[in-house]
Amino acid sequence: MKTISSREVQNSFGAFLDSAQREPVMVTRRNCPVGVMLSMENLPAILGLADSMRETIRNGVKVGLADAKAGRTHELTDDYIKTLKVEAEQRIHAKNKK
């Protein structure tokens, strides 16, 4: 991802827009990221991802509530959280291989 300072954006906005049409551009202020400019062509994919994430979260909450109601609960110990992280990383890795 290309990175550009807010000062550079102010001084050459047209070039900034041209760059953003080709690839995402991160804007920094005092060397800290403050925003990202994307092409409008990316918007449908981003909105679709947001909808998918919202639905995934909604379904996860429903399953979690049903599990809690049925007494299927786990204490959130450090070991249990580590196990969940490992499982999530394995799922992500397996999904990326497809």
N, C-alpha and C. Protein backbone atom coordinates (compact mmCIF):
# COMPACT_ATOMS: atom_id res chain seq x y z
N MET A 1 0.86 -1.17 0.00
CA MET A 1 0.00 0.00 0.00
C MET A 1 0.90 1.23 0.00
N LYS A 2 0.56 2.14 -0.85
CA LYS A 2 1.32 3.38 -0.92
C LYS A 2 0.98 4.24 0.31
N THR A 3 1.97 4.98 0.81
CA THR A 3 1.78 5.87 1.95
C THR A 3 2.17 7.28 1.54
N ILE A 4 1.37 8.25 1.98
CA ILE A 4 1.63 9.64 1.65
C ILE A 4 1.27 10.51 2.86
N SER A 5 2.03 11.57 3.07
CA SER A 5 1.75 12.45 4.21
C SER A 5 0.60 13.38 3.89
N SER A 6 -0.06 13.85 4.92
CA SER A 6 -1.18 14.77 4.72
C SER A 6 -0.70 16.05 4.02
N ARG A 7 0.52 16.47 4.29
CA ARG A 7 1.06 17.66 3.62
C ARG A 7 1.19 17.41 2.11
N GLU A 8 1.68 16.22 1.75
CA GLU A 8 1.79 15.88 0.33
C GLU A 8 0.41 15.86 -0.33
N VAL A 9 -0.59 15.35 0.38
CA VAL A 9 -1.95 15.32 -0.14
C VAL A 9 -2.43 16.73 -0.42
N GLN A 10 -2.20 17.65 0.53
CA GLN A 10 -2.62 19.04 0.36
C GLN A 10 -1.93 19.69 -0.83
N ASN A 11 -0.65 19.36 -1.01
CA ASN A 11 0.12 20.02 -2.07
C ASN A 11 -0.11 19.43 -3.46
N SER A 12 -0.55 18.18 -3.52
CA SER A 12 -0.75 17.54 -4.83
C SER A 12 -1.96 16.62 -4.80
N PHE A 13 -3.13 17.21 -4.58
CA PHE A 13 -4.34 16.42 -4.42
C PHE A 13 -4.69 15.63 -5.67
N GLY A 14 -4.48 16.19 -6.83
CA GLY A 14 -4.79 15.49 -8.08
C GLY A 14 -3.97 14.21 -8.23
N ALA A 15 -2.69 14.29 -7.93
CA ALA A 15 -1.83 13.11 -8.00
C ALA A 15 -2.25 12.08 -6.95
N PHE A 16 -2.67 12.58 -5.79
CA PHE A 16 -3.16 11.69 -4.72
C PHE A 16 -4.38 10.91 -5.21
N LEU A 17 -5.33 11.60 -5.83
CA LEU A 17 -6.53 10.93 -6.35
C LEU A 17 -6.18 9.92 -7.43
N ASP A 18 -5.24 10.27 -8.30
CA ASP A 18 -4.80 9.34 -9.34
C ASP A 18 -4.22 8.07 -8.73
N SER A 19 -3.40 8.25 -7.69
CA SER A 19 -2.80 7.08 -7.02
C SER A 19 -3.88 6.22 -6.38
N ALA A 20 -4.85 6.85 -5.74
CA ALA A 20 -5.91 6.12 -5.04
C ALA A 20 -6.78 5.32 -6.01
N GLN A 21 -6.84 5.74 -7.25
CA GLN A 21 -7.62 4.98 -8.24
C GLN A 21 -6.90 3.69 -8.64
N ARG A 22 -5.58 3.68 -8.47
CA ARG A 22 -4.80 2.50 -8.83
C ARG A 22 -4.61 1.52 -7.67
N GLU A 23 -4.48 2.05 -6.45
CA GLU A 23 -4.24 1.22 -5.27
C GLU A 23 -4.63 2.00 -4.02
N PRO A 24 -4.90 1.32 -2.90
CA PRO A 24 -5.20 2.04 -1.66
C PRO A 24 -4.01 2.90 -1.25
N VAL A 25 -4.29 4.08 -0.73
CA VAL A 25 -3.24 5.00 -0.30
C VAL A 25 -3.49 5.36 1.16
N MET A 26 -2.50 5.08 2.01
CA MET A 26 -2.60 5.44 3.43
C MET A 26 -2.08 6.87 3.60
N VAL A 27 -2.84 7.67 4.35
CA VAL A 27 -2.45 9.05 4.63
C VAL A 27 -1.95 9.10 6.06
N THR A 28 -0.79 9.74 6.24
CA THR A 28 -0.21 9.88 7.57
C THR A 28 -0.13 11.35 7.97
N ARG A 29 -0.17 11.57 9.27
CA ARG A 29 0.06 12.90 9.82
C ARG A 29 1.06 12.71 10.96
N ARG A 30 2.17 13.41 10.86
CA ARG A 30 3.26 13.25 11.83
C ARG A 30 3.67 11.78 11.96
N ASN A 31 3.77 11.13 10.81
CA ASN A 31 4.18 9.72 10.69
C ASN A 31 3.23 8.72 11.33
N CYS A 32 2.00 9.12 11.64
CA CYS A 32 0.99 8.21 12.18
C CYS A 32 -0.14 8.06 11.16
N PRO A 33 -0.58 6.82 10.88
CA PRO A 33 -1.68 6.63 9.94
C PRO A 33 -2.95 7.31 10.44
N VAL A 34 -3.61 8.05 9.55
CA VAL A 34 -4.87 8.72 9.91
C VAL A 34 -6.02 8.35 8.98
N GLY A 35 -5.73 7.73 7.85
CA GLY A 35 -6.81 7.37 6.94
C GLY A 35 -6.29 6.63 5.73
N VAL A 36 -7.26 6.10 4.96
CA VAL A 36 -6.94 5.39 3.73
C VAL A 36 -7.91 5.84 2.66
N MET A 37 -7.41 6.11 1.50
CA MET A 37 -8.25 6.47 0.35
C MET A 37 -8.26 5.29 -0.60
N LEU A 38 -9.48 4.89 -1.01
CA LEU A 38 -9.66 3.77 -1.92
C LEU A 38 -10.41 4.22 -3.16
N SER A 39 -10.26 3.47 -4.21
CA SER A 39 -11.03 3.71 -5.42
C SER A 39 -12.49 3.34 -5.18
N MET A 40 -13.39 4.03 -5.84
CA MET A 40 -14.82 3.70 -5.76
C MET A 40 -15.08 2.29 -6.25
N GLU A 41 -14.20 1.77 -7.09
CA GLU A 41 -14.35 0.39 -7.58
C GLU A 41 -14.26 -0.62 -6.44
N ASN A 42 -13.60 -0.25 -5.34
CA ASN A 42 -13.46 -1.14 -4.18
C ASN A 42 -14.70 -1.12 -3.28
N LEU A 43 -15.54 -0.12 -3.43
CA LEU A 43 -16.67 0.06 -2.50
C LEU A 43 -17.63 -1.13 -2.45
N PRO A 44 -18.09 -1.69 -3.57
CA PRO A 44 -19.00 -2.84 -3.47
C PRO A 44 -18.39 -4.01 -2.70
N ALA A 45 -17.11 -4.28 -2.91
CA ALA A 45 -16.46 -5.38 -2.20
C ALA A 45 -16.38 -5.09 -0.70
N ILE A 46 -16.08 -3.85 -0.35
CA ILE A 46 -15.97 -3.47 1.06
C ILE A 46 -17.34 -3.57 1.73
N LEU A 47 -18.36 -3.07 1.07
CA LEU A 47 -19.71 -3.14 1.64
C LEU A 47 -20.18 -4.59 1.76
N GLY A 48 -19.85 -5.40 0.78
CA GLY A 48 -20.19 -6.82 0.83
C GLY A 48 -19.48 -7.51 1.99
N LEU A 49 -18.22 -7.17 2.20
CA LEU A 49 -17.47 -7.73 3.32
C LEU A 49 -18.10 -7.30 4.65
N ALA A 50 -18.48 -6.03 4.76
CA ALA A 50 -19.10 -5.53 5.98
C ALA A 50 -20.41 -6.28 6.26
N ASP A 51 -21.22 -6.49 5.22
CA ASP A 51 -22.47 -7.24 5.39
C ASP A 51 -22.19 -8.66 5.84
N SER A 52 -21.20 -9.29 5.23
CA SER A 52 -20.84 -10.66 5.58
C SER A 52 -20.36 -10.75 7.03
N MET A 53 -19.54 -9.79 7.44
CA MET A 53 -19.03 -9.77 8.81
C MET A 53 -20.18 -9.56 9.80
N ARG A 54 -21.08 -8.66 9.45
CA ARG A 54 -22.23 -8.39 10.32
C ARG A 54 -23.07 -9.66 10.50
N GLU A 55 -23.30 -10.38 9.41
CA GLU A 55 -24.09 -11.61 9.46
C GLU A 55 -23.35 -12.69 10.26
N THR A 56 -22.05 -12.80 10.06
CA THR A 56 -21.25 -13.77 10.81
C THR A 56 -21.30 -13.48 12.30
N ILE A 57 -21.18 -12.22 12.66
CA ILE A 57 -21.24 -11.83 14.08
C ILE A 57 -22.63 -12.11 14.65
N ARG A 58 -23.66 -11.74 13.90
CA ARG A 58 -25.04 -11.98 14.34
C ARG A 58 -25.26 -13.48 14.59
N ASN A 59 -24.82 -14.31 13.65
CA ASN A 59 -24.99 -15.76 13.81
C ASN A 59 -24.18 -16.28 15.00
N GLY A 60 -22.98 -15.75 15.18
CA GLY A 60 -22.16 -16.17 16.31
C GLY A 60 -22.80 -15.83 17.64
N VAL A 61 -23.40 -14.65 17.72
CA VAL A 61 -24.09 -14.25 18.95
C VAL A 61 -25.27 -15.18 19.21
N LYS A 62 -26.04 -15.50 18.17
CA LYS A 62 -27.18 -16.40 18.34
C LYS A 62 -26.73 -17.77 18.85
N VAL A 63 -25.66 -18.30 18.26
CA VAL A 63 -25.14 -19.60 18.69
C VAL A 63 -24.64 -19.51 20.13
N GLY A 64 -23.93 -18.42 20.45
CA GLY A 64 -23.41 -18.25 21.80
C GLY A 64 -24.52 -18.16 22.83
N LEU A 65 -25.58 -17.44 22.50
CA LEU A 65 -26.72 -17.35 23.42
C LEU A 65 -27.40 -18.70 23.60
N ALA A 66 -27.54 -19.44 22.51
CA ALA A 66 -28.15 -20.77 22.61
C ALA A 66 -27.27 -21.70 23.44
N ASP A 67 -25.95 -21.63 23.25
CA ASP A 67 -25.04 -22.45 24.05
C ASP A 67 -25.14 -22.09 25.52
N ALA A 68 -25.17 -20.80 25.82
CA ALA A 68 -25.27 -20.36 27.21
C ALA A 68 -26.58 -20.84 27.84
N LYS A 69 -27.65 -20.73 27.09
CA LYS A 69 -28.96 -21.16 27.59
C LYS A 69 -28.98 -22.66 27.87
N ALA A 70 -28.24 -23.42 27.04
CA ALA A 70 -28.19 -24.88 27.19
C ALA A 70 -27.12 -25.31 28.19
N GLY A 71 -26.41 -24.35 28.76
CA GLY A 71 -25.38 -24.69 29.75
C GLY A 71 -24.04 -25.06 29.17
N ARG A 72 -23.86 -24.85 27.88
CA ARG A 72 -22.57 -25.15 27.23
C ARG A 72 -21.69 -23.91 27.31
N THR A 73 -21.01 -23.75 28.41
CA THR A 73 -20.19 -22.56 28.62
C THR A 73 -18.75 -22.95 28.95
N HIS A 74 -17.84 -22.00 28.82
CA HIS A 74 -16.43 -22.19 29.14
C HIS A 74 -15.97 -20.98 29.95
N GLU A 75 -15.12 -21.24 30.92
CA GLU A 75 -14.50 -20.14 31.65
C GLU A 75 -13.41 -19.55 30.76
N LEU A 76 -13.35 -18.24 30.66
CA LEU A 76 -12.37 -17.59 29.78
C LEU A 76 -11.01 -17.48 30.46
N THR A 77 -10.38 -18.62 30.61
CA THR A 77 -9.02 -18.64 31.16
C THR A 77 -8.03 -18.27 30.06
N ASP A 78 -6.82 -17.95 30.43
CA ASP A 78 -5.78 -17.65 29.44
C ASP A 78 -5.55 -18.84 28.51
N ASP A 79 -5.56 -20.05 29.08
CA ASP A 79 -5.35 -21.25 28.25
C ASP A 79 -6.48 -21.44 27.24
N TYR A 80 -7.71 -21.21 27.65
CA TYR A 80 -8.85 -21.36 26.74
C TYR A 80 -8.77 -20.33 25.62
N ILE A 81 -8.39 -19.10 25.95
CA ILE A 81 -8.26 -18.05 24.93
C ILE A 81 -7.14 -18.40 23.96
N LYS A 82 -6.03 -18.93 24.45
CA LYS A 82 -4.93 -19.36 23.57
C LYS A 82 -5.41 -20.45 22.62
N THR A 83 -6.20 -21.39 23.14
CA THR A 83 -6.74 -22.47 22.31
C THR A 83 -7.63 -21.91 21.21
N LEU A 84 -8.48 -20.94 21.57
CA LEU A 84 -9.35 -20.31 20.57
C LEU A 84 -8.53 -19.61 19.50
N LYS A 85 -7.46 -18.93 19.89
CA LYS A 85 -6.61 -18.23 18.92
C LYS A 85 -5.97 -19.23 17.95
N VAL A 86 -5.48 -20.33 18.49
CA VAL A 86 -4.85 -21.36 17.64
C VAL A 86 -5.87 -21.90 16.65
N GLU A 87 -7.08 -22.20 17.13
CA GLU A 87 -8.13 -22.71 16.25
C GLU A 87 -8.48 -21.70 15.17
N ALA A 88 -8.57 -20.44 15.53
CA ALA A 88 -8.89 -19.40 14.55
C ALA A 88 -7.79 -19.28 13.51
N GLU A 89 -6.53 -19.31 13.95
CA GLU A 89 -5.41 -19.23 13.01
C GLU A 89 -5.41 -20.43 12.06
N GLN A 90 -5.72 -21.61 12.58
CA GLN A 90 -5.78 -22.81 11.73
C GLN A 90 -6.89 -22.69 10.69
N ARG A 91 -8.04 -22.17 11.10
CA ARG A 91 -9.15 -21.98 10.15
C ARG A 91 -8.77 -20.99 9.06
N ILE A 92 -8.14 -19.89 9.46
CA ILE A 92 -7.73 -18.88 8.49
C ILE A 92 -6.71 -19.47 7.52
N HIS A 93 -5.75 -20.20 8.06
CA HIS A 93 -4.72 -20.81 7.22
C HIS A 93 -5.34 -21.80 6.24
N ALA A 94 -6.26 -22.62 6.73
CA ALA A 94 -6.92 -23.61 5.86
C ALA A 94 -7.74 -22.91 4.78
N LYS A 95 -8.43 -21.83 5.16
CA LYS A 95 -9.25 -21.10 4.20
C LYS A 95 -8.38 -20.44 3.12
N ASN A 96 -7.21 -19.94 3.50
CA ASN A 96 -6.31 -19.28 2.55
C ASN A 96 -5.69 -20.26 1.59
N LYS A 97 -5.63 -21.55 1.95
CA LYS A 97 -5.06 -22.57 1.06
C LYS A 97 -6.01 -22.91 -0.08
N LYS A 98 -7.30 -22.64 0.12
CA LYS A 98 -8.32 -23.00 -0.91
C LYS A 98 -8.21 -22.15 -2.12
